[in-house]
Structures are given as C-alpha cells and as structure tokens.
Amino acid sequence: MHIEQIDSLLRELLGPGCNLPGEYGFTSTACQQVTKIGYATNLTPHTVQGAIEHKVDLLLTHHDAWGFVYGMSDACHEALEINGISHLYAHLPLDSAPFGTAASLITSIGAEISGDIALEKGLACGRTARFRQPVALATVAEALKATCKEDPQVWSLGADQIERIGVVTGAGSMTNYAKEAHDQGCQLYITGERSLYLVQYCLLVGMNLAVCSHTFTELPGVKALAAKVSDLVPGIQVIEIPESHDELMPNKAVRWPPLRDATDL
C-alpha cells in the first residue's frame, strides 16, 4: 500500500485532530510502498533498532522523538532515513479516538466508557468509565498489571470497592485532570505518570490512585490503531516493536544502542 493511502486511512480513522500542528504526521517517508508496519509507543533509538531488525517499511508510534531529550530526535530521524524506513506518529488524535489510548486501557480492564476528561486543544485525551458491578481496588490493580505487564503503584486513599474510574494515560499527573475525575464521582484515578502534587491532591480528596508507566498505559491504544489498519488492508503485516519497562523497572531497562552502529546493519 502506498504511504499516501496509509496516511488517508489513518486520517479517516483518527479524525480532524490530525490537522493539529505537532500532533500527527510523518517524520520520514523514506519507504513509499508499505507491506510491513511496526508499532510502538515511542520513537527512540531502541524502537528504531527494532524497526531495522524486523525490516519494517513503516514505524507507527504514538510519540515522535522528544526534542527535549537532547540529540534523540536528530539521531532517530537520521537513522530512519538511512535505513529506508518511514515513520508516522499520532499523538492527540489517538488519545482522543474512540479506540484510543484511554479507551483501549479502559476496555482492557473490563470497564465501560462513560464520559470525557482532560481536554487539550479541544479534544479529550482522558475518559471516565464505570464497572457494571463494584470491583475491589486490588482487582483493578491486577487487571492493570495484566494489561501493562508491570506492577502498578497503588495508593489506597478512598473506597475499597470501585465503581467509577478516571483514566488519563501517559502524562496524566496534572491535578486538574484528577480533579475532573473526582468531580465526576470517580473513586480511582489511573494514569501513566505521577507527581507529588497528584498524590497530595488524591490524599486531600480521598480518591484512590494507580500509576503504571507512560509507555505501557498508552501501548493498548497504539496496538488498537495498528489492528484497525491490519483489518482494513488485506495482506499488510503488523508487528509490535518491543519496548522495555524503563520507567517502573529500572533494573530491567535496556541500554539503547548507538544508532550510527545500527545504521551499518
């Protein structure tokens, strides 16, 4: 499939948020004909190395390489071009999609979406949800562990039985997001980053808090997007490019390879 057709398909799936500057787009179009897509949450030397090793034509990620991780963006983009790999990222449009980051995480733990929170640039990057029957906090934590493949950090600060939750995957540590969840009656707030202020707010209002990693709270949404492409494009191959649990499991973090070596493969 030509890369322009991939772009049109993703824009149709993700909606008008793709037109927001810095929230969606190609950083490399080095490969024009796509038969194999690799997906990951982040664009890093690790995922670029994985894309090279798996011989993908297009690397699909939630994030572009962060400019404030100094030197990473140039290194990743250069390596993609040299190795003939295209790259496309979908950030806020994927957060806000009906099958996006928060929505997919909610579905994976057995809850049903009930509302929106955390509006950014006019789009909701978070959701509220409810369980059909109240669920023990420990049970929700186990469901998060099964989805994210990592132990969540859990603060038991309120109700033992959870009926309503608020979810902002990734960088959801802002207290205004948590307040929106609390104002909508949530007994548990789930996110992918924590801060002192978030913990203090949840302590103040007596709302439980569960934190997994930025990367793995958002991966279900990227996987859902890749699966939709696979369903709609006969014959295209879609594979996950593995990432390590750097944020919550530092002793198991994978040292990133030097990309100038990787480009010689």
C-alpha atoms as a PDB file:
ATOM      1  CA  MET A   1       0.000   0.000   0.000  1.00  0.00           C
ATOM      2  CA  HIS A   2       1.358   3.427  -0.888  1.00  0.00           C
ATOM      3  CA  ILE A   3       2.263   5.631   2.038  1.00  0.00           C
ATOM      4  CA  GLU A   4      -0.223   8.303   0.937  1.00  0.00           C
ATOM      5  CA  GLN A   5      -3.006   5.720   1.180  1.00  0.00           C
ATOM      6  CA  ILE A   6      -1.831   4.802   4.686  1.00  0.00           C
ATOM      7  CA  ASP A   7      -1.988   8.483   5.591  1.00  0.00           C
ATOM      8  CA  SER A   8      -5.534   8.826   4.210  1.00  0.00           C
ATOM      9  CA  LEU A   9      -6.678   5.710   6.063  1.00  0.00           C
ATOM     10  CA  LEU A  10      -5.237   6.886   9.388  1.00  0.00           C
ATOM     11  CA  ARG A  11      -6.735  10.345   8.974  1.00  0.00           C
ATOM     12  CA  GLU A  12     -10.124   8.765   8.351  1.00  0.00           C
ATOM     13  CA  LEU A  13      -9.766   6.593  11.456  1.00  0.00           C
ATOM     14  CA  LEU A  14      -8.457   9.355  13.726  1.00  0.00           C
ATOM     15  CA  GLY A  15     -10.470  12.351  12.574  1.00  0.00           C
ATOM     16  CA  PRO A  16      -9.817  16.103  12.313  1.00  0.00           C
ATOM     17  CA  GLY A  17      -7.317  16.123  15.179  1.00  0.00           C
ATOM     18  CA  CYS A  18      -4.751  15.010  12.600  1.00  0.00           C
ATOM     19  CA  ASN A  19      -4.748  18.610  11.329  1.00  0.00           C
ATOM     20  CA  LEU A  20      -3.484  19.992  14.653  1.00  0.00           C
ATOM     21  CA  PRO A  21       0.145  21.163  14.335  1.00  0.00           C
ATOM     22  CA  GLY A  22       2.609  18.846  16.055  1.00  0.00           C
ATOM     23  CA  GLU A  23       0.044  16.161  16.879  1.00  0.00           C
ATOM     24  CA  TYR A  24       0.191  13.943  13.786  1.00  0.00           C
ATOM     25  CA  GLY A  25       2.450  13.456  10.824  1.00  0.00           C
ATOM     26  CA  PHE A  26       5.331  11.825   9.033  1.00  0.00           C
ATOM     27  CA  THR A  27       8.905  12.461  10.115  1.00  0.00           C
ATOM     28  CA  SER A  28      10.236  10.161   7.393  1.00  0.00           C
ATOM     29  CA  THR A  29       8.775   8.995   4.089  1.00  0.00           C
ATOM     30  CA  ALA A  30      11.852   7.017   3.083  1.00  0.00           C
ATOM     31  CA  CYS A  31       9.756   3.971   2.118  1.00  0.00           C
ATOM     32  CA  GLN A  32       6.828   4.688  -0.197  1.00  0.00           C
ATOM     33  CA  GLN A  33       5.324   1.206  -0.545  1.00  0.00           C
ATOM     34  CA  VAL A  34       4.301  -0.319   2.790  1.00  0.00           C
ATOM     35  CA  THR A  35       3.783  -4.040   3.297  1.00  0.00           C
ATOM     36  CA  LYS A  36       5.017  -4.312   6.910  1.00  0.00           C
ATOM     37  CA  ILE A  37       4.218  -1.954   9.789  1.00  0.00           C
ATOM     38  CA  GLY A  38       5.907  -1.961  13.179  1.00  0.00           C
ATOM     39  CA  TYR A  39       4.205  -0.172  16.059  1.00  0.00           C
ATOM     40  CA  ALA A  40       5.397   1.136  19.440  1.00  0.00           C
ATOM     41  CA  THR A  41       4.522   3.905  21.876  1.00  0.00           C
ATOM     42  CA  ASN A  42       7.774   5.854  21.486  1.00  0.00           C
ATOM     43  CA  LEU A  43      10.256   6.796  18.798  1.00  0.00           C
ATOM     44  CA  THR A  44      13.606   6.087  20.465  1.00  0.00           C
ATOM     45  CA  PRO A  45      16.922   4.507  19.433  1.00  0.00           C
ATOM     46  CA  HIS A  46      15.530   1.270  20.873  1.00  0.00           C
ATOM     47  CA  THR A  47      12.417   1.226  18.667  1.00  0.00           C
ATOM     48  CA  VAL A  48      14.365   2.393  15.604  1.00  0.00           C
ATOM     49  CA  GLN A  49      16.776  -0.501  16.173  1.00  0.00           C
ATOM     50  CA  GLY A  50      13.782  -2.830  16.442  1.00  0.00           C
ATOM     51  CA  ALA A  51      12.300  -1.474  13.224  1.00  0.00           C
ATOM     52  CA  ILE A  52      15.610  -2.098  11.447  1.00  0.00           C
ATOM     53  CA  GLU A  53      15.935  -5.626  12.807  1.00  0.00           C
ATOM     54  CA  HIS A  54      12.344  -6.520  11.885  1.00  0.00           C
ATOM     55  CA  LYS A  55      12.718  -4.955   8.424  1.00  0.00           C
ATOM     56  CA  VAL A  56       9.541  -2.884   8.640  1.00  0.00           C
ATOM     57  CA  ASP A  57       8.599  -0.376   5.963  1.00  0.00           C
ATOM     58  CA  LEU A  58       6.751   1.963   8.336  1.00  0.00           C
ATOM     59  CA  LEU A  59       7.200   2.567  12.051  1.00  0.00           C
ATOM     60  CA  LEU A  60       3.943   3.769  13.637  1.00  0.00           C
ATOM     61  CA  THR A  61       4.246   5.401  17.068  1.00  0.00           C
ATOM     62  CA  HIS A  62       2.207   7.466  19.482  1.00  0.00           C
ATOM     63  CA  HIS A  63       5.063   9.889  20.156  1.00  0.00           C
ATOM     64  CA  ASP A  64       7.619  11.498  17.926  1.00  0.00           C
ATOM     65  CA  ALA A  65      11.088  11.616  19.477  1.00  0.00           C
ATOM     66  CA  TRP A  66      11.015  14.281  22.171  1.00  0.00           C
ATOM     67  CA  GLY A  67      13.092  17.356  21.302  1.00  0.00           C
ATOM     68  CA  PHE A  68      13.918  17.925  24.974  1.00  0.00           C
ATOM     69  CA  VAL A  69      15.633  14.541  25.156  1.00  0.00           C
ATOM     70  CA  TYR A  70      18.549  16.334  23.599  1.00  0.00           C
ATOM     71  CA  GLY A  71      20.011  14.717  20.496  1.00  0.00           C
ATOM     72  CA  MET A  72      17.461  11.885  20.275  1.00  0.00           C
ATOM     73  CA  SER A  73      15.232  13.380  17.596  1.00  0.00           C
ATOM     74  CA  ASP A  74      18.026  14.005  15.094  1.00  0.00           C
ATOM     75  CA  ALA A  75      19.587  10.595  15.722  1.00  0.00           C
ATOM     76  CA  CYS A  76      16.303   8.719  15.251  1.00  0.00           C
ATOM     77  CA  HIS A  77      15.191  10.606  12.168  1.00  0.00           C
ATOM     78  CA  GLU A  78      18.602  10.273  10.514  1.00  0.00           C
ATOM     79  CA  ALA A  79      18.676   6.514  11.148  1.00  0.00           C
ATOM     80  CA  LEU A  80      15.176   6.060   9.711  1.00  0.00           C
ATOM     81  CA  GLU A  81      16.149   7.869   6.518  1.00  0.00           C
ATOM     82  CA  ILE A  82      19.424   5.968   6.101  1.00  0.00           C
ATOM     83  CA  ASN A  83      17.680   2.628   6.590  1.00  0.00           C
ATOM     84  CA  GLY A  84      14.773   3.425   4.266  1.00  0.00           C
ATOM     85  CA  ILE A  85      12.067   3.305   6.940  1.00  0.00           C
ATOM     86  CA  SER A  86       9.106   5.669   7.024  1.00  0.00           C
ATOM     87  CA  HIS A  87       7.776   6.925  10.344  1.00  0.00           C
ATOM     88  CA  LEU A  88       4.415   8.340  11.348  1.00  0.00           C
ATOM     89  CA  TYR A  89       3.252   9.429  14.798  1.00  0.00           C
ATOM     90  CA  ALA A  90      -0.294  10.049  16.034  1.00  0.00           C
ATOM     91  CA  HIS A  91      -0.433  11.799  19.401  1.00  0.00           C
ATOM     92  CA  LEU A  92      -3.533  13.725  20.486  1.00  0.00           C
ATOM     93  CA  PRO A  93      -5.701  12.294  17.675  1.00  0.00           C
ATOM     94  CA  LEU A  94      -5.013   8.812  19.056  1.00  0.00           C
ATOM     95  CA  ASP A  95      -5.543   9.893  22.665  1.00  0.00           C
ATOM     96  CA  SER A  96      -8.990  11.191  21.738  1.00  0.00           C
ATOM     97  CA  ALA A  97     -10.092   8.394  19.383  1.00  0.00           C
ATOM     98  CA  PRO A  98     -12.983   6.119  20.445  1.00  0.00           C
ATOM     99  CA  PHE A  99     -10.484   3.223  20.406  1.00  0.00           C
ATOM    100  CA  GLY A 100      -7.547   5.364  21.555  1.00  0.00           C
ATOM    101  CA  THR A 101      -5.171   5.270  24.484  1.00  0.00           C
ATOM    102  CA  ALA A 102      -7.533   5.817  27.413  1.00  0.00           C
ATOM    103  CA  ALA A 103     -10.403   3.978  25.737  1.00  0.00           C
ATOM    104  CA  SER A 104      -8.326   0.884  24.997  1.00  0.00           C
ATOM    105  CA  LEU A 105      -6.874   0.756  28.505  1.00  0.00           C
ATOM    106  CA  ILE A 106     -10.367   1.059  29.980  1.00  0.00           C
ATOM    107  CA  THR A 107     -11.680  -1.753  27.792  1.00  0.00           C
ATOM    108  CA  SER A 108      -8.730  -3.964  28.724  1.00  0.00           C
ATOM    109  CA  ILE A 109      -9.570  -3.790  32.437  1.00  0.00           C
ATOM    110  CA  GLY A 110     -13.255  -4.550  31.941  1.00  0.00           C
ATOM    111  CA  ALA A 111     -14.848  -1.125  32.377  1.00  0.00           C
ATOM    112  CA  GLU A 112     -17.181   0.839  30.101  1.00  0.00           C
ATOM    113  CA  ILE A 113     -16.567   4.429  28.976  1.00  0.00           C
ATOM    114  CA  SER A 114     -18.982   6.967  30.418  1.00  0.00           C
ATOM    115  CA  GLY A 115     -17.514  10.429  29.773  1.00  0.00           C
ATOM    116  CA  ASP A 116     -14.633  12.676  28.789  1.00  0.00           C
ATOM    117  CA  ILE A 117     -11.971  14.476  30.809  1.00  0.00           C
ATOM    118  CA  ALA A 118      -8.674  16.241  30.158  1.00  0.00           C
ATOM    119  CA  LEU A 119      -9.484  18.361  27.129  1.00  0.00           C
ATOM    120  CA  GLU A 120      -6.447  19.545  25.175  1.00  0.00           C
ATOM    121  CA  LYS A 121      -6.799  21.644  22.004  1.00  0.00           C
ATOM    122  CA  GLY A 122     -10.496  20.837  22.000  1.00  0.00           C
ATOM    123  CA  LEU A 123     -10.031  17.059  22.184  1.00  0.00           C
ATOM    124  CA  ALA A 124     -10.486  14.775  25.202  1.00  0.00           C
ATOM    125  CA  CYS A 125      -7.307  12.865  25.994  1.00  0.00           C
ATOM    126  CA  GLY A 126      -8.894  11.160  29.020  1.00  0.00           C
ATOM    127  CA  ARG A 127     -12.059   9.248  29.817  1.00  0.00           C
ATOM    128  CA  THR A 128     -14.226   8.365  32.764  1.00  0.00           C
ATOM    129  CA  ALA A 129     -15.626   4.853  32.962  1.00  0.00           C
ATOM    130  CA  ARG A 130     -17.605   2.556  35.201  1.00  0.00           C
ATOM    131  CA  PHE A 131     -17.745  -1.095  36.087  1.00  0.00           C
ATOM    132  CA  ARG A 132     -21.091  -2.845  35.836  1.00  0.00           C
ATOM    133  CA  GLN A 133     -20.605  -4.070  39.388  1.00  0.00           C
ATOM    134  CA  PRO A 134     -18.290  -2.580  42.054  1.00  0.00           C
ATOM    135  CA  VAL A 135     -14.790  -4.076  41.857  1.00  0.00           C
ATOM    136  CA  ALA A 136     -12.154  -4.304  44.595  1.00  0.00           C
ATOM    137  CA  LEU A 137      -9.230  -1.913  44.200  1.00  0.00           C
ATOM    138  CA  ALA A 138      -6.851  -4.889  44.302  1.00  0.00           C
ATOM    139  CA  THR A 139      -8.728  -6.497  41.408  1.00  0.00           C
ATOM    140  CA  VAL A 140      -8.377  -3.362  39.282  1.00  0.00           C
ATOM    141  CA  ALA A 141      -4.664  -3.295  40.102  1.00  0.00           C
ATOM    142  CA  GLU A 142      -4.312  -6.908  38.915  1.00  0.00           C
ATOM    143  CA  ALA A 143      -6.119  -6.066  35.674  1.00  0.00           C
ATOM    144  CA  LEU A 144      -3.732  -3.159  35.096  1.00  0.00           C
ATOM    145  CA  LYS A 145      -0.779  -5.457  35.737  1.00  0.00           C
ATOM    146  CA  ALA A 146      -2.093  -7.949  33.186  1.00  0.00           C
ATOM    147  CA  THR A 147      -2.527  -5.242  30.555  1.00  0.00           C
ATOM    148  CA  CYS A 148       0.662  -3.265  31.137  1.00  0.00           C
ATOM    149  CA  LYS A 149       2.892  -6.219  32.132  1.00  0.00           C
ATOM    150  CA  GLU A 150       4.211  -4.217  35.088  1.00  0.00           C
ATOM    151  CA  ASP A 151       3.222  -3.688  38.714  1.00  0.00           C
ATOM    152  CA  PRO A 152       1.182  -0.524  39.175  1.00  0.00           C
ATOM    153  CA  GLN A 153       1.937   1.807  42.048  1.00  0.00           C
ATOM    154  CA  VAL A 154      -1.304   1.960  44.034  1.00  0.00           C
ATOM    155  CA  TRP A 155      -2.345   4.416  46.732  1.00  0.00           C
ATOM    156  CA  SER A 156      -5.373   3.194  48.687  1.00  0.00           C
ATOM    157  CA  LEU A 157      -6.851   6.516  49.733  1.00  0.00           C
ATOM    158  CA  GLY A 158     -10.586   6.038  49.493  1.00  0.00           C
ATOM    159  CA  ALA A 159     -13.253   3.463  48.739  1.00  0.00           C
ATOM    160  CA  ASP A 160     -12.273  -0.215  48.755  1.00  0.00           C
ATOM    161  CA  GLN A 161     -14.883  -1.010  46.101  1.00  0.00           C
ATOM    162  CA  ILE A 162     -14.511   0.825  42.807  1.00  0.00           C
ATOM    163  CA  GLU A 163     -17.422   1.657  40.531  1.00  0.00           C
ATOM    164  CA  ARG A 164     -16.201   4.745  38.637  1.00  0.00           C
ATOM    165  CA  ILE A 165     -12.712   5.492  37.357  1.00  0.00           C
ATOM    166  CA  GLY A 166     -10.947   8.306  35.577  1.00  0.00           C
ATOM    167  CA  VAL A 167      -8.171   7.476  33.125  1.00  0.00           C
ATOM    168  CA  VAL A 168      -5.585   9.735  31.504  1.00  0.00           C
ATOM    169  CA  THR A 169      -2.860   7.563  30.013  1.00  0.00           C
ATOM    170  CA  GLY A 170       0.720   8.787  29.727  1.00  0.00           C
ATOM    171  CA  ALA A 171       1.443  12.199  31.227  1.00  0.00           C
ATOM    172  CA  GLY A 172      -1.690  12.477  33.324  1.00  0.00           C
ATOM    173  CA  SER A 173      -0.054  13.736  36.507  1.00  0.00           C
ATOM    174  CA  MET A 174      -1.740  17.160  36.411  1.00  0.00           C
ATOM    175  CA  THR A 175      -4.056  17.836  39.321  1.00  0.00           C
ATOM    176  CA  ASN A 176      -6.668  19.489  37.097  1.00  0.00           C
ATOM    177  CA  TYR A 177      -7.147  16.153  35.294  1.00  0.00           C
ATOM    178  CA  ALA A 178      -7.555  14.331  38.603  1.00  0.00           C
ATOM    179  CA  LYS A 179      -9.994  16.994  39.805  1.00  0.00           C
ATOM    180  CA  GLU A 180     -12.148  16.462  36.735  1.00  0.00           C
ATOM    181  CA  ALA A 181     -12.247  12.741  37.530  1.00  0.00           C
ATOM    182  CA  HIS A 182     -13.141  13.427  41.166  1.00  0.00           C
ATOM    183  CA  ASP A 183     -15.826  15.939  40.165  1.00  0.00           C
ATOM    184  CA  GLN A 184     -17.418  13.219  38.017  1.00  0.00           C
ATOM    185  CA  GLY A 185     -17.614  10.872  41.006  1.00  0.00           C
ATOM    186  CA  CYS A 186     -14.605   8.679  40.290  1.00  0.00           C
ATOM    187  CA  GLN A 187     -13.217   6.645  43.191  1.00  0.00           C
ATOM    188  CA  LEU A 188      -9.992   5.811  41.353  1.00  0.00           C
ATOM    189  CA  TYR A 189      -7.729   7.817  39.075  1.00  0.00           C
ATOM    190  CA  ILE A 190      -5.432   5.885  36.702  1.00  0.00           C
ATOM    191  CA  THR A 191      -2.554   7.428  34.796  1.00  0.00           C
ATOM    192  CA  GLY A 192       0.939   6.847  33.422  1.00  0.00           C
ATOM    193  CA  GLU A 193       2.967   9.364  35.424  1.00  0.00           C
ATOM    194  CA  ARG A 194       2.848  10.657  38.985  1.00  0.00           C
ATOM    195  CA  SER A 195       3.923  13.809  40.746  1.00  0.00           C
ATOM    196  CA  LEU A 196       3.967  14.964  44.352  1.00  0.00           C
ATOM    197  CA  TYR A 197       1.055  17.272  43.577  1.00  0.00           C
ATOM    198  CA  LEU A 198      -1.070  14.484  42.133  1.00  0.00           C
ATOM    199  CA  VAL A 199      -0.525  12.308  45.207  1.00  0.00           C
ATOM    200  CA  GLN A 200      -1.277  15.232  47.514  1.00  0.00           C
ATOM    201  CA  TYR A 201      -4.497  16.026  45.667  1.00  0.00           C
ATOM    202  CA  CYS A 202      -5.697  12.425  45.816  1.00  0.00           C
ATOM    203  CA  LEU A 203      -4.847  12.362  49.537  1.00  0.00           C
ATOM    204  CA  LEU A 204      -6.796  15.569  50.035  1.00  0.00           C
ATOM    205  CA  VAL A 205      -9.999  14.370  48.380  1.00  0.00           C
ATOM    206  CA  GLY A 206      -9.734  10.678  49.310  1.00  0.00           C
ATOM    207  CA  MET A 207      -9.553   9.317  45.770  1.00  0.00           C
ATOM    208  CA  ASN A 208      -7.561   6.148  45.092  1.00  0.00           C
ATOM    209  CA  LEU A 209      -4.632   6.427  42.682  1.00  0.00           C
ATOM    210  CA  ALA A 210      -2.978   3.853  40.405  1.00  0.00           C
ATOM    211  CA  VAL A 211       0.057   4.643  38.264  1.00  0.00           C
ATOM    212  CA  CYS A 212       1.666   2.437  35.634  1.00  0.00           C
ATOM    213  CA  SER A 213       4.183   3.745  33.097  1.00  0.00           C
ATOM    214  CA  HIS A 214       3.688   6.358  30.402  1.00  0.00           C
ATOM    215  CA  THR A 215       4.767   3.878  27.729  1.00  0.00           C
ATOM    216  CA  PHE A 216       2.639   0.892  28.669  1.00  0.00           C
ATOM    217  CA  THR A 217      -0.569   2.695  29.615  1.00  0.00           C
ATOM    218  CA  GLU A 218      -0.589   4.021  26.045  1.00  0.00           C
ATOM    219  CA  LEU A 219       0.508   0.926  24.157  1.00  0.00           C
ATOM    220  CA  PRO A 220      -3.025  -0.606  24.028  1.00  0.00           C
ATOM    221  CA  GLY A 221      -4.197   2.394  22.004  1.00  0.00           C
ATOM    222  CA  VAL A 222      -1.328   2.118  19.519  1.00  0.00           C
ATOM    223  CA  LYS A 223      -1.996  -1.599  19.209  1.00  0.00           C
ATOM    224  CA  ALA A 224      -5.693  -0.918  18.544  1.00  0.00           C
ATOM    225  CA  LEU A 225      -4.827   1.549  15.780  1.00  0.00           C
ATOM    226  CA  ALA A 226      -2.419  -0.910  14.160  1.00  0.00           C
ATOM    227  CA  ALA A 227      -5.053  -3.640  14.368  1.00  0.00           C
ATOM    228  CA  LYS A 228      -7.574  -1.452  12.545  1.00  0.00           C
ATOM    229  CA  VAL A 229      -5.060  -0.885   9.734  1.00  0.00           C
ATOM    230  CA  SER A 230      -4.451  -4.631   9.567  1.00  0.00           C
ATOM    231  CA  ASP A 231      -8.186  -5.324   9.353  1.00  0.00           C
ATOM    232  CA  LEU A 232      -8.730  -2.766   6.593  1.00  0.00           C
ATOM    233  CA  VAL A 233      -5.689  -3.504   4.425  1.00  0.00           C
ATOM    234  CA  PRO A 234      -5.578  -7.112   3.186  1.00  0.00           C
ATOM    235  CA  GLY A 235      -2.119  -8.632   3.224  1.00  0.00           C
ATOM    236  CA  ILE A 236      -0.391  -5.968   5.266  1.00  0.00           C
ATOM    237  CA  GLN A 237       1.745  -7.293   8.127  1.00  0.00           C
ATOM    238  CA  VAL A 238       1.622  -5.591  11.537  1.00  0.00           C
ATOM    239  CA  ILE A 239       4.029  -6.360  14.391  1.00  0.00           C
ATOM    240  CA  GLU A 240       4.794  -4.853  17.792  1.00  0.00           C
ATOM    241  CA  ILE A 241       8.270  -3.400  18.233  1.00  0.00           C
ATOM    242  CA  PRO A 242       9.119  -4.298  21.862  1.00  0.00           C
ATOM    243  CA  GLU A 243       9.992  -1.601  24.377  1.00  0.00           C
ATOM    244  CA  SER A 244      11.496  -2.073  27.823  1.00  0.00           C
ATOM    245  CA  HIS A 245       9.894  -1.076  31.120  1.00  0.00           C
ATOM    246  CA  ASP A 246      12.407   1.694  31.783  1.00  0.00           C
ATOM    247  CA  GLU A 247      10.104   3.788  33.966  1.00  0.00           C
ATOM    248  CA  LEU A 248       8.935   1.243  36.539  1.00  0.00           C
ATOM    249  CA  MET A 249      11.571  -1.474  36.228  1.00  0.00           C
ATOM    250  CA  PRO A 250      14.928   0.355  36.120  1.00  0.00           C
ATOM    251  CA  ASN A 251      16.923  -2.810  36.792  1.00  0.00           C
ATOM    252  CA  LYS A 252      15.468  -4.298  33.608  1.00  0.00           C
ATOM    253  CA  ALA A 253      15.929  -1.232  31.428  1.00  0.00           C
ATOM    254  CA  VAL A 254      17.501  -1.916  28.045  1.00  0.00           C
ATOM    255  CA  ARG A 255      20.543   0.179  27.175  1.00  0.00           C
ATOM    256  CA  TRP A 256      19.818   1.937  23.900  1.00  0.00           C
ATOM    257  CA  PRO A 257      22.201   1.037  21.058  1.00  0.00           C
ATOM    258  CA  PRO A 258      24.195   3.762  19.307  1.00  0.00           C
ATOM    259  CA  LEU A 259      22.203   4.393  16.147  1.00  0.00           C
ATOM    260  CA  ARG A 260      25.199   5.091  13.971  1.00  0.00           C
ATOM    261  CA  ASP A 261      26.191   1.465  14.586  1.00  0.00           C
ATOM    262  CA  ALA A 262      22.634   0.306  13.907  1.00  0.00           C
ATOM    263  CA  THR A 263      22.604   2.010  10.511  1.00  0.00           C
ATOM    264  CA  ASP A 264      25.515  -0.172   9.400  1.00  0.00           C
ATOM    265  CA  LEU A 265      23.435  -3.349   9.741  1.00  0.00           C
END
